[in-house]
Protein backbone atom coordinates (compact mmCIF):
# COMPACT_ATOMS: atom_id res chain seq x y z
CA MET A 1 82.52 79.14 100.73
CA GLY A 2 85.37 79.72 98.35
CA ILE A 3 87.45 82.30 96.61
CA LYS A 4 84.94 84.53 94.85
CA SER A 5 87.15 87.25 93.43
CA SER A 6 90.72 88.40 93.05
CA SER A 7 90.34 90.60 96.14
CA ASP A 8 89.97 87.42 98.23
CA ILE A 9 93.29 86.19 96.86
CA PHE A 10 94.95 89.50 97.78
CA PHE A 11 93.47 89.26 101.29
CA ILE A 12 94.87 85.75 101.73
CA MET A 13 98.28 86.91 100.46
CA SER A 14 98.21 89.86 102.86
CA VAL A 15 97.48 87.63 105.85
CA ALA A 16 100.23 85.23 104.75
CA ALA A 17 102.73 88.09 104.46
CA VAL A 18 101.91 89.34 107.96
CA LEU A 19 102.32 85.79 109.30
CA MET A 20 105.70 85.56 107.57
CA ALA A 21 106.69 88.84 109.24
CA VAL A 22 105.78 87.46 112.66
CA ILE A 23 107.61 84.18 112.01
CA SER A 24 110.76 85.88 110.73
CA TRP A 25 110.80 88.17 113.77
CA ALA A 26 110.16 85.34 116.23
CA VAL A 27 112.70 82.87 114.84
CA GLU A 28 115.87 84.95 114.77
CA SER A 29 114.72 88.54 115.24
CA MET A 30 115.37 89.29 111.58
CA TRP A 31 114.16 92.89 111.57
CA LEU A 32 114.85 93.53 107.90
CA ALA A 33 112.96 90.45 106.74
CA SER A 34 110.03 91.11 109.05
CA THR A 35 109.82 94.73 107.91
CA GLN A 36 109.88 93.60 104.29
CA TRP A 37 107.06 91.11 104.86
CA LEU A 38 105.03 93.72 106.73
CA LEU A 39 105.40 96.15 103.83
CA VAL A 40 104.39 93.43 101.37
CA GLY A 41 101.36 92.64 103.51
CA ILE A 42 100.32 96.28 103.68
CA MET A 43 100.74 96.82 99.94
CA VAL A 44 98.84 93.66 99.01
CA GLY A 45 96.13 94.46 101.56
CA VAL A 46 95.62 97.96 100.18
CA TRP A 47 95.46 96.62 96.62
CA GLY A 48 92.94 93.96 97.68
CA LEU A 49 90.83 96.61 99.42
CA TYR A 50 90.89 98.71 96.25
CA LEU A 51 89.72 95.73 94.19
CA ARG A 52 86.97 94.91 96.70
CA LEU A 53 85.70 98.50 96.68
CA ARG A 54 85.88 98.64 92.88
CA ASP A 55 83.90 95.40 92.61
CA MET A 56 81.28 96.73 95.03
CA HIS A 57 81.00 99.99 93.11
CA GLU A 58 80.68 98.26 89.74
CA GLY A 59 78.18 95.79 91.16
CA SER A 60 75.91 98.52 92.52
CA GLY A 61 75.85 100.33 89.17
CA LYS A 62 74.62 97.33 87.18
CA LYS A 63 70.92 96.83 86.58
CA LYS A 64 69.46 93.43 85.77
């Protein structure tokens, strides 16, 4: 098991950003920082989903 594509990297970054949001909220209730990390996580997650779907679509169109 390993990182197979760039969409896996974006997924890992998205999870890390959401964890940073939780940590920044829990430590000192920094609402602005936690909101920023949540937005980063959502944006990176959507981009990773787009790449995953694009890879699946391109993979199904290829014939060997």
